[in-house]
Amino acid sequence: MGEILALVEARLLTALGEPDARAAVTFLGTDRIEVLRFVDGDVVRYATLGMSAQPMADPTAVLADPVKGPRAELVISVRAGLADTDKVLRPLAVLAASPQVEGVVVAPGASLEVGEPLWPGAPFSSVLVAEPGGLVEDLELDAPMEPVRFLPLLPMTNNEAAWKRVRGAQELQERWLSHGTDLRDPLRGSVPLD
């Protein structure tokens, strides 16, 4: 486990540079989850470290395989200085712990709900899990372990989350694209959903 997390941290540092802050959260019955903060010009990125220590297990499986199964870390990017986005640390750690706590498999296209604003004044309490590979490349591990995927999280307003449940992740992403939505704006409003 420690060896995997050392490789994951090295991949994050290679892709995003040195973190300027880090915090750790431990929930009862789970492994420790760290959140690293990286500043890149006017963008702040928060990345989890610890979610990939264990593979995510199918919630219907009788026994979780300790080796096989998808592994992931979460990354969220926001514009700096517009909101107190450092408060996203705990909600992000909660999402990263959800495979251990709730037995969910976090995958692209999924919605994750935290039940409260991601940071003070945020119009978002949920995120859309986007496709990996753009910002941080997958980390290959020795077989039979699956690679660690670094999954970007895109904040969704309540209306967008409801629309996504009905129309799907692909249509929501197309709507964002067609309207030129700045998904890094920590205070943006909902995209028009007519």
N, C-alpha and C. Protein backbone atom coordinates (compact mmCIF):
# COMPACT_ATOMS: atom_id res chain seq x y z
N MET A 1 0.82 -1.19 0.00
CA MET A 1 0.00 0.00 0.00
C MET A 1 0.86 1.25 0.00
N GLY A 2 1.84 1.34 0.89
CA GLY A 2 2.71 2.50 0.97
C GLY A 2 3.50 2.71 -0.31
N GLU A 3 3.91 1.59 -0.93
CA GLU A 3 4.67 1.67 -2.17
C GLU A 3 3.82 2.26 -3.30
N ILE A 4 2.56 1.86 -3.37
CA ILE A 4 1.65 2.39 -4.38
C ILE A 4 1.46 3.89 -4.18
N LEU A 5 1.22 4.29 -2.94
CA LEU A 5 0.99 5.71 -2.67
C LEU A 5 2.23 6.55 -2.95
N ALA A 6 3.41 6.00 -2.73
CA ALA A 6 4.64 6.73 -3.07
C ALA A 6 4.72 6.95 -4.58
N LEU A 7 4.35 5.93 -5.36
CA LEU A 7 4.33 6.07 -6.82
C LEU A 7 3.28 7.07 -7.28
N VAL A 8 2.12 7.04 -6.62
CA VAL A 8 1.04 7.97 -6.96
C VAL A 8 1.48 9.40 -6.66
N GLU A 9 2.08 9.61 -5.51
CA GLU A 9 2.53 10.96 -5.16
C GLU A 9 3.59 11.44 -6.15
N ALA A 10 4.50 10.56 -6.54
CA ALA A 10 5.53 10.93 -7.51
C ALA A 10 4.89 11.32 -8.85
N ARG A 11 3.85 10.61 -9.27
CA ARG A 11 3.16 10.94 -10.52
C ARG A 11 2.50 12.31 -10.42
N LEU A 12 1.86 12.59 -9.28
CA LEU A 12 1.22 13.90 -9.07
C LEU A 12 2.26 15.02 -9.12
N LEU A 13 3.40 14.81 -8.47
CA LEU A 13 4.44 15.85 -8.44
C LEU A 13 5.02 16.08 -9.83
N THR A 14 5.17 15.00 -10.59
CA THR A 14 5.69 15.13 -11.96
C THR A 14 4.72 15.94 -12.82
N ALA A 15 3.43 15.69 -12.66
CA ALA A 15 2.42 16.35 -13.50
C ALA A 15 2.07 17.76 -13.03
N LEU A 16 2.04 17.96 -11.71
CA LEU A 16 1.51 19.22 -11.17
C LEU A 16 2.53 20.08 -10.44
N GLY A 17 3.75 19.57 -10.20
CA GLY A 17 4.76 20.32 -9.46
C GLY A 17 4.68 20.03 -7.97
N GLU A 18 5.36 20.84 -7.19
CA GLU A 18 5.37 20.65 -5.73
C GLU A 18 4.08 21.21 -5.13
N PRO A 19 3.46 20.48 -4.21
CA PRO A 19 2.27 21.02 -3.55
C PRO A 19 2.69 22.14 -2.59
N ASP A 20 1.83 23.14 -2.46
CA ASP A 20 2.15 24.21 -1.50
C ASP A 20 1.44 23.99 -0.17
N ALA A 21 0.56 22.97 -0.11
CA ALA A 21 -0.10 22.61 1.15
C ALA A 21 -0.64 21.20 1.04
N ARG A 22 -0.83 20.58 2.19
CA ARG A 22 -1.44 19.25 2.23
C ARG A 22 -2.14 19.09 3.56
N ALA A 23 -3.21 18.31 3.55
CA ALA A 23 -3.96 18.04 4.76
C ALA A 23 -4.36 16.58 4.74
N ALA A 24 -4.55 16.00 5.90
CA ALA A 24 -4.94 14.59 6.00
C ALA A 24 -6.25 14.48 6.77
N VAL A 25 -7.10 13.57 6.31
CA VAL A 25 -8.37 13.31 6.97
C VAL A 25 -8.49 11.80 7.14
N THR A 26 -8.93 11.38 8.31
CA THR A 26 -9.16 9.96 8.56
C THR A 26 -10.59 9.80 9.06
N PHE A 27 -11.33 8.91 8.43
CA PHE A 27 -12.69 8.61 8.85
C PHE A 27 -12.67 7.25 9.54
N LEU A 28 -13.53 7.07 10.50
CA LEU A 28 -13.60 5.84 11.26
C LEU A 28 -13.71 4.64 10.32
N GLY A 29 -12.79 3.69 10.45
CA GLY A 29 -12.83 2.47 9.66
C GLY A 29 -12.24 2.60 8.27
N THR A 30 -11.57 3.71 7.98
CA THR A 30 -10.98 3.89 6.64
C THR A 30 -9.50 4.23 6.75
N ASP A 31 -8.81 4.07 5.64
CA ASP A 31 -7.42 4.50 5.57
C ASP A 31 -7.37 6.01 5.49
N ARG A 32 -6.24 6.57 5.83
CA ARG A 32 -6.03 8.01 5.80
C ARG A 32 -6.06 8.52 4.35
N ILE A 33 -6.74 9.63 4.14
CA ILE A 33 -6.79 10.29 2.83
C ILE A 33 -6.11 11.65 2.97
N GLU A 34 -5.14 11.90 2.12
CA GLU A 34 -4.52 13.22 2.09
C GLU A 34 -5.05 13.99 0.90
N VAL A 35 -5.08 15.31 1.02
CA VAL A 35 -5.43 16.19 -0.09
C VAL A 35 -4.27 17.15 -0.27
N LEU A 36 -3.71 17.16 -1.47
CA LEU A 36 -2.58 18.04 -1.79
C LEU A 36 -3.09 19.20 -2.62
N ARG A 37 -2.54 20.40 -2.34
CA ARG A 37 -2.94 21.60 -3.09
C ARG A 37 -1.77 22.05 -3.95
N PHE A 38 -2.07 22.28 -5.23
CA PHE A 38 -1.07 22.75 -6.18
C PHE A 38 -1.56 24.06 -6.79
N VAL A 39 -0.69 25.05 -6.86
CA VAL A 39 -1.06 26.33 -7.47
C VAL A 39 -0.32 26.44 -8.80
N ASP A 40 -1.09 26.72 -9.85
CA ASP A 40 -0.52 26.87 -11.19
C ASP A 40 -1.07 28.16 -11.79
N GLY A 41 -0.37 29.26 -11.56
CA GLY A 41 -0.85 30.56 -12.02
C GLY A 41 -2.12 30.94 -11.29
N ASP A 42 -3.21 31.14 -12.05
CA ASP A 42 -4.48 31.52 -11.42
C ASP A 42 -5.39 30.31 -11.17
N VAL A 43 -4.84 29.10 -11.28
CA VAL A 43 -5.63 27.88 -11.05
C VAL A 43 -5.06 27.13 -9.84
N VAL A 44 -5.96 26.70 -8.96
CA VAL A 44 -5.58 25.87 -7.82
C VAL A 44 -6.14 24.48 -8.09
N ARG A 45 -5.29 23.48 -7.91
CA ARG A 45 -5.71 22.09 -8.09
C ARG A 45 -5.59 21.36 -6.75
N TYR A 46 -6.61 20.58 -6.45
CA TYR A 46 -6.62 19.76 -5.24
C TYR A 46 -6.66 18.30 -5.70
N ALA A 47 -5.73 17.50 -5.19
CA ALA A 47 -5.65 16.09 -5.58
C ALA A 47 -5.63 15.21 -4.34
N THR A 48 -6.37 14.12 -4.39
CA THR A 48 -6.36 13.18 -3.26
C THR A 48 -5.16 12.26 -3.36
N LEU A 49 -4.77 11.75 -2.22
CA LEU A 49 -3.70 10.77 -2.13
C LEU A 49 -4.09 9.77 -1.04
N GLY A 50 -4.39 8.55 -1.43
CA GLY A 50 -4.79 7.53 -0.47
C GLY A 50 -5.94 6.68 -0.96
N MET A 51 -6.78 7.23 -1.83
CA MET A 51 -7.92 6.49 -2.37
C MET A 51 -7.45 5.25 -3.14
N SER A 52 -6.30 5.35 -3.81
CA SER A 52 -5.81 4.26 -4.67
C SER A 52 -5.07 3.17 -3.90
N ALA A 53 -4.93 3.32 -2.59
CA ALA A 53 -4.21 2.31 -1.81
C ALA A 53 -4.90 0.95 -1.89
N GLN A 54 -6.22 0.97 -1.99
CA GLN A 54 -7.01 -0.26 -2.11
C GLN A 54 -7.79 -0.22 -3.41
N PRO A 55 -7.95 -1.35 -4.11
CA PRO A 55 -8.80 -1.33 -5.30
C PRO A 55 -10.26 -1.14 -4.90
N MET A 56 -11.01 -0.49 -5.77
CA MET A 56 -12.45 -0.34 -5.52
C MET A 56 -13.11 -1.66 -5.83
N ALA A 57 -14.03 -2.06 -4.98
CA ALA A 57 -14.68 -3.36 -5.13
C ALA A 57 -16.11 -3.21 -5.58
N ASP A 58 -16.56 -4.14 -6.39
CA ASP A 58 -17.96 -4.19 -6.80
C ASP A 58 -18.80 -4.38 -5.54
N PRO A 59 -19.75 -3.47 -5.29
CA PRO A 59 -20.54 -3.58 -4.06
C PRO A 59 -21.37 -4.86 -3.97
N THR A 60 -21.58 -5.55 -5.10
CA THR A 60 -22.35 -6.80 -5.07
C THR A 60 -21.48 -8.02 -4.80
N ALA A 61 -20.14 -7.83 -4.81
CA ALA A 61 -19.24 -8.97 -4.59
C ALA A 61 -19.29 -9.40 -3.12
N VAL A 62 -19.22 -10.71 -2.90
CA VAL A 62 -19.24 -11.23 -1.53
C VAL A 62 -17.94 -10.88 -0.82
N LEU A 63 -16.81 -11.04 -1.51
CA LEU A 63 -15.51 -10.70 -0.95
C LEU A 63 -14.80 -9.72 -1.88
N ALA A 64 -14.19 -8.71 -1.29
CA ALA A 64 -13.43 -7.74 -2.09
C ALA A 64 -12.07 -8.32 -2.40
N ASP A 65 -11.64 -8.22 -3.65
CA ASP A 65 -10.31 -8.69 -4.04
C ASP A 65 -9.29 -7.66 -3.56
N PRO A 66 -8.28 -8.08 -2.80
CA PRO A 66 -7.31 -7.12 -2.28
C PRO A 66 -6.32 -6.61 -3.32
N VAL A 67 -6.30 -7.20 -4.52
CA VAL A 67 -5.33 -6.82 -5.54
C VAL A 67 -6.01 -6.28 -6.80
N LYS A 68 -6.98 -7.03 -7.33
CA LYS A 68 -7.63 -6.65 -8.58
C LYS A 68 -8.75 -5.65 -8.33
N GLY A 69 -8.99 -4.82 -9.35
CA GLY A 69 -10.06 -3.84 -9.26
C GLY A 69 -9.54 -2.46 -9.61
N PRO A 70 -10.44 -1.57 -10.01
CA PRO A 70 -10.01 -0.23 -10.40
C PRO A 70 -9.46 0.57 -9.22
N ARG A 71 -8.47 1.40 -9.53
CA ARG A 71 -7.88 2.29 -8.52
C ARG A 71 -7.93 3.71 -9.07
N ALA A 72 -8.16 4.67 -8.19
CA ALA A 72 -8.26 6.05 -8.67
C ALA A 72 -7.88 7.04 -7.58
N GLU A 73 -7.55 8.24 -8.02
CA GLU A 73 -7.43 9.42 -7.17
C GLU A 73 -8.27 10.51 -7.84
N LEU A 74 -8.67 11.51 -7.08
CA LEU A 74 -9.55 12.56 -7.57
C LEU A 74 -8.80 13.89 -7.67
N VAL A 75 -9.12 14.67 -8.70
CA VAL A 75 -8.48 15.98 -8.91
C VAL A 75 -9.57 16.98 -9.26
N ILE A 76 -9.55 18.13 -8.58
CA ILE A 76 -10.49 19.20 -8.90
C ILE A 76 -9.68 20.48 -9.11
N SER A 77 -10.02 21.24 -10.14
CA SER A 77 -9.31 22.47 -10.48
C SER A 77 -10.27 23.65 -10.45
N VAL A 78 -9.86 24.74 -9.77
CA VAL A 78 -10.69 25.94 -9.68
C VAL A 78 -9.82 27.19 -9.83
N ARG A 79 -10.45 28.29 -10.21
CA ARG A 79 -9.74 29.56 -10.31
C ARG A 79 -9.44 30.07 -8.91
N ALA A 80 -8.22 30.56 -8.73
CA ALA A 80 -7.76 31.03 -7.41
C ALA A 80 -8.34 32.41 -7.11
N GLY A 81 -8.52 32.68 -5.81
CA GLY A 81 -8.84 34.02 -5.34
C GLY A 81 -10.28 34.45 -5.43
N LEU A 82 -11.17 33.63 -5.98
CA LEU A 82 -12.57 34.03 -6.14
C LEU A 82 -13.46 33.54 -5.00
N ALA A 83 -13.02 32.50 -4.30
CA ALA A 83 -13.80 31.91 -3.21
C ALA A 83 -12.83 31.18 -2.27
N ASP A 84 -13.32 30.82 -1.09
CA ASP A 84 -12.50 30.10 -0.12
C ASP A 84 -12.52 28.60 -0.46
N THR A 85 -11.88 28.28 -1.60
CA THR A 85 -11.94 26.91 -2.10
C THR A 85 -11.11 25.93 -1.28
N ASP A 86 -10.24 26.41 -0.39
CA ASP A 86 -9.49 25.48 0.45
C ASP A 86 -10.41 24.64 1.34
N LYS A 87 -11.64 25.10 1.53
CA LYS A 87 -12.61 24.34 2.33
C LYS A 87 -13.10 23.09 1.60
N VAL A 88 -12.66 22.90 0.35
CA VAL A 88 -13.04 21.70 -0.41
C VAL A 88 -12.28 20.47 0.10
N LEU A 89 -11.28 20.68 0.95
CA LEU A 89 -10.45 19.56 1.40
C LEU A 89 -11.27 18.44 2.03
N ARG A 90 -12.14 18.78 2.97
CA ARG A 90 -12.93 17.74 3.64
C ARG A 90 -13.93 17.07 2.69
N PRO A 91 -14.75 17.84 1.93
CA PRO A 91 -15.64 17.15 0.99
C PRO A 91 -14.89 16.28 -0.01
N LEU A 92 -13.73 16.72 -0.46
CA LEU A 92 -12.94 15.92 -1.40
C LEU A 92 -12.46 14.63 -0.74
N ALA A 93 -12.03 14.73 0.51
CA ALA A 93 -11.61 13.52 1.25
C ALA A 93 -12.80 12.57 1.46
N VAL A 94 -13.98 13.14 1.71
CA VAL A 94 -15.19 12.30 1.87
C VAL A 94 -15.46 11.53 0.58
N LEU A 95 -15.36 12.21 -0.56
CA LEU A 95 -15.58 11.53 -1.84
C LEU A 95 -14.53 10.45 -2.08
N ALA A 96 -13.27 10.74 -1.71
CA ALA A 96 -12.20 9.75 -1.91
C ALA A 96 -12.37 8.54 -1.00
N ALA A 97 -13.01 8.73 0.16
CA ALA A 97 -13.23 7.62 1.09
C ALA A 97 -14.48 6.82 0.74
N SER A 98 -15.32 7.33 -0.17
CA SER A 98 -16.60 6.66 -0.45
C SER A 98 -16.47 5.22 -0.94
N PRO A 99 -15.42 4.85 -1.71
CA PRO A 99 -15.31 3.43 -2.07
C PRO A 99 -15.13 2.53 -0.85
N GLN A 100 -14.37 2.99 0.16
CA GLN A 100 -14.17 2.19 1.37
C GLN A 100 -15.41 2.20 2.26
N VAL A 101 -16.04 3.38 2.37
CA VAL A 101 -17.16 3.53 3.30
C VAL A 101 -18.45 2.96 2.73
N GLU A 102 -18.74 3.29 1.45
CA GLU A 102 -20.02 2.93 0.86
C GLU A 102 -19.93 1.80 -0.16
N GLY A 103 -18.72 1.37 -0.49
CA GLY A 103 -18.56 0.30 -1.47
C GLY A 103 -18.91 0.70 -2.88
N VAL A 104 -18.73 1.99 -3.20
CA VAL A 104 -19.02 2.43 -4.57
C VAL A 104 -17.76 2.36 -5.42
N VAL A 105 -17.95 2.19 -6.71
CA VAL A 105 -16.85 2.25 -7.67
C VAL A 105 -16.99 3.58 -8.40
N VAL A 106 -16.00 4.46 -8.20
CA VAL A 106 -16.02 5.79 -8.82
C VAL A 106 -15.46 5.67 -10.24
N ALA A 107 -16.27 6.06 -11.22
CA ALA A 107 -15.88 5.91 -12.63
C ALA A 107 -16.36 7.12 -13.42
N PRO A 108 -15.74 7.37 -14.58
CA PRO A 108 -16.17 8.48 -15.42
C PRO A 108 -17.66 8.41 -15.74
N GLY A 109 -18.31 9.57 -15.70
CA GLY A 109 -19.75 9.64 -15.97
C GLY A 109 -20.60 9.59 -14.72
N ALA A 110 -19.99 9.21 -13.59
CA ALA A 110 -20.74 9.11 -12.33
C ALA A 110 -20.93 10.50 -11.71
N SER A 111 -21.98 10.62 -10.93
CA SER A 111 -22.20 11.81 -10.10
C SER A 111 -21.87 11.44 -8.67
N LEU A 112 -21.18 12.34 -7.98
CA LEU A 112 -20.89 12.15 -6.56
C LEU A 112 -21.47 13.33 -5.80
N GLU A 113 -22.19 13.04 -4.74
CA GLU A 113 -22.89 14.06 -3.96
C GLU A 113 -22.27 14.16 -2.57
N VAL A 114 -22.01 15.39 -2.10
CA VAL A 114 -21.47 15.55 -0.75
C VAL A 114 -22.51 16.05 0.24
N GLY A 115 -23.66 16.55 -0.24
CA GLY A 115 -24.74 16.94 0.65
C GLY A 115 -24.57 18.33 1.27
N GLU A 116 -23.55 19.04 0.90
CA GLU A 116 -23.31 20.40 1.38
C GLU A 116 -22.48 21.11 0.33
N PRO A 117 -22.42 22.44 0.37
CA PRO A 117 -21.59 23.14 -0.62
C PRO A 117 -20.13 22.67 -0.56
N LEU A 118 -19.50 22.59 -1.72
CA LEU A 118 -18.10 22.15 -1.77
C LEU A 118 -17.17 23.10 -1.03
N TRP A 119 -17.54 24.39 -0.97
CA TRP A 119 -16.82 25.40 -0.19
C TRP A 119 -17.84 26.48 0.15
N PRO A 120 -17.54 27.38 1.09
CA PRO A 120 -18.51 28.40 1.49
C PRO A 120 -18.99 29.22 0.29
N GLY A 121 -20.30 29.34 0.15
CA GLY A 121 -20.89 30.11 -0.93
C GLY A 121 -20.93 29.40 -2.27
N ALA A 122 -20.45 28.18 -2.32
CA ALA A 122 -20.43 27.44 -3.60
C ALA A 122 -21.84 27.05 -4.00
N PRO A 123 -22.18 27.19 -5.30
CA PRO A 123 -23.48 26.73 -5.78
C PRO A 123 -23.46 25.24 -6.13
N PHE A 124 -22.41 24.54 -5.69
CA PHE A 124 -22.23 23.12 -6.04
C PHE A 124 -22.20 22.26 -4.78
N SER A 125 -22.93 21.15 -4.80
CA SER A 125 -22.81 20.15 -3.73
C SER A 125 -22.56 18.76 -4.33
N SER A 126 -22.37 18.74 -5.66
CA SER A 126 -22.06 17.47 -6.32
C SER A 126 -21.08 17.72 -7.45
N VAL A 127 -20.49 16.64 -7.93
CA VAL A 127 -19.51 16.72 -9.01
C VAL A 127 -19.80 15.64 -10.03
N LEU A 128 -19.38 15.91 -11.26
CA LEU A 128 -19.41 14.92 -12.33
C LEU A 128 -17.99 14.39 -12.47
N VAL A 129 -17.84 13.07 -12.50
CA VAL A 129 -16.53 12.45 -12.69
C VAL A 129 -16.24 12.43 -14.19
N ALA A 130 -15.15 13.09 -14.59
CA ALA A 130 -14.80 13.19 -16.00
C ALA A 130 -13.79 12.11 -16.38
N GLU A 131 -13.48 12.05 -17.67
CA GLU A 131 -12.52 11.06 -18.18
C GLU A 131 -11.11 11.40 -17.72
N PRO A 132 -10.31 10.41 -17.35
CA PRO A 132 -8.94 10.66 -16.92
C PRO A 132 -7.99 10.81 -18.11
N GLY A 133 -6.74 11.12 -17.80
CA GLY A 133 -5.69 11.10 -18.82
C GLY A 133 -5.29 12.45 -19.35
N GLY A 134 -6.06 13.49 -19.10
CA GLY A 134 -5.71 14.79 -19.65
C GLY A 134 -4.65 15.51 -18.83
N LEU A 135 -4.91 15.68 -17.56
CA LEU A 135 -4.03 16.45 -16.68
C LEU A 135 -2.92 15.59 -16.10
N VAL A 136 -3.29 14.43 -15.57
CA VAL A 136 -2.32 13.50 -14.98
C VAL A 136 -2.52 12.14 -15.66
N GLU A 137 -1.46 11.62 -16.25
CA GLU A 137 -1.55 10.33 -16.94
C GLU A 137 -1.77 9.19 -15.95
N ASP A 138 -2.45 8.15 -16.43
CA ASP A 138 -2.64 6.96 -15.61
C ASP A 138 -1.29 6.43 -15.14
N LEU A 139 -1.29 5.83 -13.97
CA LEU A 139 -0.08 5.23 -13.42
C LEU A 139 -0.20 3.71 -13.53
N GLU A 140 0.62 3.11 -14.39
CA GLU A 140 0.59 1.66 -14.55
C GLU A 140 1.21 1.00 -13.31
N LEU A 141 0.59 -0.08 -12.84
CA LEU A 141 1.10 -0.87 -11.73
C LEU A 141 1.40 -2.28 -12.22
N ASP A 142 2.17 -3.02 -11.45
CA ASP A 142 2.49 -4.40 -11.83
C ASP A 142 1.22 -5.25 -11.88
N ALA A 143 1.11 -6.07 -12.91
CA ALA A 143 -0.03 -6.99 -13.05
C ALA A 143 -0.05 -7.92 -11.84
N PRO A 144 -1.22 -8.31 -11.37
CA PRO A 144 -2.54 -8.12 -11.96
C PRO A 144 -3.25 -6.83 -11.51
N MET A 145 -2.53 -5.91 -10.87
CA MET A 145 -3.16 -4.67 -10.42
C MET A 145 -3.50 -3.78 -11.61
N GLU A 146 -4.65 -3.13 -11.53
CA GLU A 146 -5.06 -2.20 -12.57
C GLU A 146 -4.35 -0.86 -12.36
N PRO A 147 -4.23 -0.04 -13.41
CA PRO A 147 -3.57 1.25 -13.25
C PRO A 147 -4.36 2.19 -12.34
N VAL A 148 -3.64 3.14 -11.76
CA VAL A 148 -4.30 4.21 -10.99
C VAL A 148 -4.71 5.28 -11.99
N ARG A 149 -5.98 5.64 -11.97
CA ARG A 149 -6.50 6.68 -12.86
C ARG A 149 -6.75 7.94 -12.04
N PHE A 150 -6.39 9.08 -12.59
CA PHE A 150 -6.56 10.35 -11.91
C PHE A 150 -7.80 11.01 -12.52
N LEU A 151 -8.90 10.96 -11.78
CA LEU A 151 -10.20 11.35 -12.30
C LEU A 151 -10.50 12.82 -11.99
N PRO A 152 -10.67 13.64 -13.04
CA PRO A 152 -11.05 15.04 -12.81
C PRO A 152 -12.50 15.11 -12.33
N LEU A 153 -12.76 16.02 -11.41
CA LEU A 153 -14.11 16.26 -10.91
C LEU A 153 -14.58 17.62 -11.41
N LEU A 154 -15.79 17.66 -11.96
CA LEU A 154 -16.37 18.89 -12.49
C LEU A 154 -17.57 19.27 -11.61
N PRO A 155 -17.48 20.38 -10.88
CA PRO A 155 -18.59 20.77 -10.01
C PRO A 155 -19.89 21.00 -10.78
N MET A 156 -20.99 20.52 -10.22
CA MET A 156 -22.32 20.68 -10.83
C MET A 156 -23.24 21.42 -9.88
N THR A 157 -24.04 22.34 -10.43
CA THR A 157 -25.10 22.96 -9.64
C THR A 157 -26.20 21.91 -9.43
N ASN A 158 -27.13 22.20 -8.52
CA ASN A 158 -28.23 21.25 -8.29
C ASN A 158 -29.04 21.02 -9.55
N ASN A 159 -29.30 22.10 -10.32
CA ASN A 159 -30.07 21.95 -11.57
C ASN A 159 -29.31 21.10 -12.58
N GLU A 160 -28.00 21.32 -12.68
CA GLU A 160 -27.19 20.53 -13.62
C GLU A 160 -27.18 19.06 -13.21
N ALA A 161 -27.07 18.80 -11.90
CA ALA A 161 -27.05 17.42 -11.42
C ALA A 161 -28.38 16.72 -11.74
N ALA A 162 -29.49 17.44 -11.54
CA ALA A 162 -30.81 16.86 -11.85
C ALA A 162 -30.94 16.61 -13.35
N TRP A 163 -30.47 17.56 -14.16
CA TRP A 163 -30.54 17.43 -15.61
C TRP A 163 -29.68 16.26 -16.08
N LYS A 164 -28.51 16.11 -15.46
CA LYS A 164 -27.60 15.00 -15.81
C LYS A 164 -28.24 13.65 -15.51
N ARG A 165 -28.98 13.55 -14.39
CA ARG A 165 -29.65 12.28 -14.05
C ARG A 165 -30.63 11.87 -15.13
N VAL A 166 -31.28 12.86 -15.76
CA VAL A 166 -32.28 12.57 -16.79
C VAL A 166 -31.63 12.39 -18.16
N ARG A 167 -30.70 13.27 -18.53
CA ARG A 167 -30.15 13.31 -19.89
C ARG A 167 -28.80 12.63 -20.04
N GLY A 168 -28.06 12.43 -18.94
CA GLY A 168 -26.77 11.75 -19.02
C GLY A 168 -25.59 12.71 -19.00
N ALA A 169 -24.45 12.17 -18.64
CA ALA A 169 -23.22 12.95 -18.50
C ALA A 169 -22.78 13.56 -19.83
N GLN A 170 -22.88 12.79 -20.90
CA GLN A 170 -22.43 13.27 -22.20
C GLN A 170 -23.18 14.52 -22.63
N GLU A 171 -24.50 14.52 -22.47
CA GLU A 171 -25.30 15.69 -22.86
C GLU A 171 -24.98 16.90 -22.01
N LEU A 172 -24.74 16.69 -20.71
CA LEU A 172 -24.38 17.82 -19.85
C LEU A 172 -23.04 18.41 -20.27
N GLN A 173 -22.07 17.55 -20.55
CA GLN A 173 -20.76 18.05 -20.98
C GLN A 173 -20.87 18.79 -22.32
N GLU A 174 -21.70 18.29 -23.23
CA GLU A 174 -21.91 18.99 -24.50
C GLU A 174 -22.58 20.34 -24.26
N ARG A 175 -23.50 20.42 -23.33
CA ARG A 175 -24.17 21.68 -23.00
C ARG A 175 -23.14 22.68 -22.46
N TRP A 176 -22.29 22.23 -21.54
CA TRP A 176 -21.23 23.10 -21.01
C TRP A 176 -20.35 23.63 -22.14
N LEU A 177 -19.95 22.73 -23.03
CA LEU A 177 -19.06 23.09 -24.13
C LEU A 177 -19.72 24.09 -25.07
N SER A 178 -20.96 23.84 -25.44
CA SER A 178 -21.64 24.72 -26.40
C SER A 178 -21.89 26.11 -25.83
N HIS A 179 -21.97 26.23 -24.51
CA HIS A 179 -22.18 27.54 -23.88
C HIS A 179 -20.87 28.17 -23.38
N GLY A 180 -19.74 27.52 -23.64
CA GLY A 180 -18.46 28.07 -23.21
C GLY A 180 -18.35 28.22 -21.70
N THR A 181 -18.92 27.27 -20.97
CA THR A 181 -18.94 27.33 -19.50
C THR A 181 -17.54 27.20 -18.93
N ASP A 182 -17.18 28.12 -18.03
CA ASP A 182 -15.89 28.05 -17.34
C ASP A 182 -16.07 27.15 -16.12
N LEU A 183 -15.74 25.87 -16.28
CA LEU A 183 -15.95 24.90 -15.21
C LEU A 183 -15.00 25.10 -14.04
N ARG A 184 -14.01 25.98 -14.19
CA ARG A 184 -13.09 26.27 -13.08
C ARG A 184 -13.54 27.45 -12.25
N ASP A 185 -14.60 28.14 -12.67
CA ASP A 185 -15.12 29.29 -11.92
C ASP A 185 -15.83 28.78 -10.67
N PRO A 186 -15.28 29.08 -9.48
CA PRO A 186 -15.87 28.51 -8.25
C PRO A 186 -17.22 29.11 -7.88
N LEU A 187 -17.64 30.16 -8.58
CA LEU A 187 -18.91 30.81 -8.24
C LEU A 187 -19.87 30.86 -9.44
N ARG A 188 -19.57 30.11 -10.51
CA ARG A 188 -20.39 30.20 -11.72
C ARG A 188 -21.82 29.75 -11.46
N GLY A 189 -22.73 30.24 -12.29
CA GLY A 189 -24.11 29.81 -12.23
C GLY A 189 -24.33 28.58 -13.09
N SER A 190 -25.55 28.10 -13.07
CA SER A 190 -25.90 26.92 -13.87
C SER A 190 -25.93 27.27 -15.35
N VAL A 191 -25.51 26.33 -16.18
CA VAL A 191 -25.60 26.51 -17.63
C VAL A 191 -27.09 26.49 -18.00
N PRO A 192 -27.51 27.25 -19.03
CA PRO A 192 -28.92 27.18 -19.46
C PRO A 192 -29.33 25.75 -19.83
N LEU A 193 -30.43 25.30 -19.27
CA LEU A 193 -30.85 23.90 -19.46
C LEU A 193 -32.25 23.83 -20.07
N ASP A 194 -32.54 24.70 -21.04
CA ASP A 194 -33.88 24.71 -21.64
C ASP A 194 -34.06 23.57 -22.62
